[in-house]
Amino acid sequence: MSARVEQIQARLTDAFAPLHLEVIDDSARHAGHAGAAAGGGHFQVRIVSGRFRGLPLLARHRLVYEALRPLLEAQIHALAIEAHAPGERASGTDPAIS
C-alpha cells in the first residue's frame, strides 16, 4: 500500500468513521497524463458513513474533498468518489453498503 493511499485512508477515517472504506490508486493507468507528470495521483474512493445520511451527492463529495484538502494541491490530481450512507444500495456487492 502506498503512502498516499495510507494518507487518504487516515484522513477519511478521522473525518467519517466509515463502516466501509476502499481507496484504489489508479495512478499507473494514467502514466504520461499531464496531471500525473506533476506528481499528483489518480484515486478512487468508496466510502460508507453515517455522516452521509440525508445528504445529496454534491454535499457528500464536498465533505470528502474538504477532508482531503491538504492532499489535493500536490498528492491528488484526480479523485473518483462513491459516497453512501449505511443501508443505501450501491453498484458493488459489499454487505456494508447494501
C-alpha atoms as a PDB file:
ATOM      1  CA  MET A   1       0.000   0.000   0.000  1.00  0.00           C
ATOM      2  CA  SER A   2       1.393   3.389  -0.969  1.00  0.00           C
ATOM      3  CA  ALA A   3       1.975   6.250   1.442  1.00  0.00           C
ATOM      4  CA  ARG A   4      -0.593   8.338  -0.467  1.00  0.00           C
ATOM      5  CA  VAL A   5      -3.259   5.679  -0.050  1.00  0.00           C
ATOM      6  CA  GLU A   6      -2.451   5.485   3.666  1.00  0.00           C
ATOM      7  CA  GLN A   7      -2.733   9.283   3.987  1.00  0.00           C
ATOM      8  CA  ILE A   8      -6.089   9.308   2.199  1.00  0.00           C
ATOM      9  CA  GLN A   9      -7.377   6.448   4.348  1.00  0.00           C
ATOM     10  CA  ALA A  10      -6.236   8.144   7.567  1.00  0.00           C
ATOM     11  CA  ARG A  11      -7.895  11.466   6.727  1.00  0.00           C
ATOM     12  CA  LEU A  12     -11.157   9.847   5.661  1.00  0.00           C
ATOM     13  CA  THR A  13     -11.210   7.570   8.705  1.00  0.00           C
ATOM     14  CA  ASP A  14     -10.699  10.547  11.013  1.00  0.00           C
ATOM     15  CA  ALA A  15     -13.369  12.611   9.280  1.00  0.00           C
ATOM     16  CA  PHE A  16     -16.077   9.979   8.736  1.00  0.00           C
ATOM     17  CA  ALA A  17     -15.529   6.893  10.944  1.00  0.00           C
ATOM     18  CA  PRO A  18     -16.579   4.828   7.926  1.00  0.00           C
ATOM     19  CA  LEU A  19     -18.237   1.432   8.046  1.00  0.00           C
ATOM     20  CA  HIS A  20     -16.517   0.665   4.756  1.00  0.00           C
ATOM     21  CA  LEU A  21     -13.584   2.425   3.096  1.00  0.00           C
ATOM     22  CA  GLU A  22     -11.754   1.459  -0.041  1.00  0.00           C
ATOM     23  CA  VAL A  23      -9.059   3.607  -1.652  1.00  0.00           C
ATOM     24  CA  ILE A  24      -7.771   2.496  -5.033  1.00  0.00           C
ATOM     25  CA  ASP A  25      -4.661   4.007  -6.597  1.00  0.00           C
ATOM     26  CA  ASP A  26      -5.238   4.246 -10.363  1.00  0.00           C
ATOM     27  CA  SER A  27      -2.132   6.347 -10.996  1.00  0.00           C
ATOM     28  CA  ALA A  28      -0.364   3.676 -13.053  1.00  0.00           C
ATOM     29  CA  ARG A  29      -3.256   3.658 -15.535  1.00  0.00           C
ATOM     30  CA  HIS A  30      -2.690   7.369 -16.161  1.00  0.00           C
ATOM     31  CA  ALA A  31       1.075   7.353 -16.750  1.00  0.00           C
ATOM     32  CA  GLY A  32       2.030  10.131 -19.147  1.00  0.00           C
ATOM     33  CA  HIS A  33      -1.089  12.165 -18.340  1.00  0.00           C
ATOM     34  CA  ALA A  34      -0.253  15.860 -17.828  1.00  0.00           C
ATOM     35  CA  GLY A  35      -1.553  15.922 -14.251  1.00  0.00           C
ATOM     36  CA  ALA A  36       0.292  12.758 -13.349  1.00  0.00           C
ATOM     37  CA  ALA A  37       3.548  14.304 -14.598  1.00  0.00           C
ATOM     38  CA  ALA A  38       3.258  16.950 -11.864  1.00  0.00           C
ATOM     39  CA  GLY A  39       3.259  14.206  -9.221  1.00  0.00           C
ATOM     40  CA  GLY A  40      -0.436  14.047  -8.377  1.00  0.00           C
ATOM     41  CA  GLY A  41      -2.081  10.644  -8.385  1.00  0.00           C
ATOM     42  CA  HIS A  42      -5.418   9.319  -9.597  1.00  0.00           C
ATOM     43  CA  PHE A  43      -7.559   7.652  -6.932  1.00  0.00           C
ATOM     44  CA  GLN A  44     -10.956   6.056  -6.420  1.00  0.00           C
ATOM     45  CA  VAL A  45     -12.659   6.289  -3.032  1.00  0.00           C
ATOM     46  CA  ARG A  46     -15.578   4.117  -1.972  1.00  0.00           C
ATOM     47  CA  ILE A  47     -16.871   5.070   1.445  1.00  0.00           C
ATOM     48  CA  VAL A  48     -19.894   4.284   3.606  1.00  0.00           C
ATOM     49  CA  SER A  49     -20.534   6.549   6.579  1.00  0.00           C
ATOM     50  CA  GLY A  50     -23.457   7.676   8.705  1.00  0.00           C
ATOM     51  CA  ARG A  51     -22.295  11.260   8.071  1.00  0.00           C
ATOM     52  CA  PHE A  52     -23.736  10.977   4.562  1.00  0.00           C
ATOM     53  CA  ARG A  53     -27.249  10.086   5.711  1.00  0.00           C
ATOM     54  CA  GLY A  54     -29.768  12.503   4.222  1.00  0.00           C
ATOM     55  CA  LEU A  55     -27.175  14.432   2.216  1.00  0.00           C
ATOM     56  CA  PRO A  56     -27.326  14.892  -1.552  1.00  0.00           C
ATOM     57  CA  LEU A  57     -24.461  13.629  -3.708  1.00  0.00           C
ATOM     58  CA  LEU A  58     -22.859  17.056  -4.115  1.00  0.00           C
ATOM     59  CA  ALA A  59     -22.766  17.662  -0.355  1.00  0.00           C
ATOM     60  CA  ARG A  60     -21.175  14.245   0.208  1.00  0.00           C
ATOM     61  CA  HIS A  61     -18.477  14.956  -2.357  1.00  0.00           C
ATOM     62  CA  ARG A  62     -17.789  18.364  -0.829  1.00  0.00           C
ATOM     63  CA  LEU A  63     -17.258  16.754   2.579  1.00  0.00           C
ATOM     64  CA  VAL A  64     -14.790  14.248   1.110  1.00  0.00           C
ATOM     65  CA  TYR A  65     -12.905  16.996  -0.745  1.00  0.00           C
ATOM     66  CA  GLU A  66     -12.783  19.075   2.440  1.00  0.00           C
ATOM     67  CA  ALA A  67     -11.316  16.153   4.401  1.00  0.00           C
ATOM     68  CA  LEU A  68      -8.660  15.673   1.712  1.00  0.00           C
ATOM     69  CA  ARG A  69      -7.969  19.381   1.054  1.00  0.00           C
ATOM     70  CA  PRO A  70      -4.317  19.296   2.286  1.00  0.00           C
ATOM     71  CA  LEU A  71      -3.557  16.496  -0.189  1.00  0.00           C
ATOM     72  CA  LEU A  72      -5.326  17.982  -3.201  1.00  0.00           C
ATOM     73  CA  GLU A  73      -2.638  20.500  -4.138  1.00  0.00           C
ATOM     74  CA  ALA A  74       0.230  18.070  -4.687  1.00  0.00           C
ATOM     75  CA  GLN A  75      -0.749  14.490  -3.821  1.00  0.00           C
ATOM     76  CA  ILE A  76      -4.081  14.042  -5.656  1.00  0.00           C
ATOM     77  CA  HIS A  77      -4.700  15.028  -9.266  1.00  0.00           C
ATOM     78  CA  ALA A  78      -7.963  13.158  -9.853  1.00  0.00           C
ATOM     79  CA  LEU A  79     -10.456  11.644  -7.438  1.00  0.00           C
ATOM     80  CA  ALA A  80     -13.492   9.475  -8.191  1.00  0.00           C
ATOM     81  CA  ILE A  81     -15.860   9.259  -5.229  1.00  0.00           C
ATOM     82  CA  GLU A  82     -18.630   6.820  -4.306  1.00  0.00           C
ATOM     83  CA  ALA A  83     -20.068   8.037  -1.002  1.00  0.00           C
ATOM     84  CA  HIS A  84     -23.020   6.231   0.569  1.00  0.00           C
ATOM     85  CA  ALA A  85     -24.906   6.206   3.839  1.00  0.00           C
ATOM     86  CA  PRO A  86     -25.399   2.844   5.582  1.00  0.00           C
ATOM     87  CA  GLY A  87     -28.175   0.816   4.002  1.00  0.00           C
ATOM     88  CA  GLU A  88     -28.064   2.548   0.631  1.00  0.00           C
ATOM     89  CA  ARG A  89     -27.851   0.402  -2.447  1.00  0.00           C
ATOM     90  CA  ALA A  90     -24.594   0.810  -4.352  1.00  0.00           C
ATOM     91  CA  SER A  91     -23.112  -0.670  -7.501  1.00  0.00           C
ATOM     92  CA  GLY A  92     -20.910  -3.078  -5.540  1.00  0.00           C
ATOM     93  CA  THR A  93     -21.841  -6.144  -3.545  1.00  0.00           C
ATOM     94  CA  ASP A  94     -20.252  -5.145  -0.251  1.00  0.00           C
ATOM     95  CA  PRO A  95     -22.687  -6.077   2.569  1.00  0.00           C
ATOM     96  CA  ALA A  96     -21.830  -2.862   4.425  1.00  0.00           C
ATOM     97  CA  ILE A  97     -23.289  -0.910   1.527  1.00  0.00           C
ATOM     98  CA  SER A  98     -26.409  -2.860   0.549  1.00  0.00           C
END
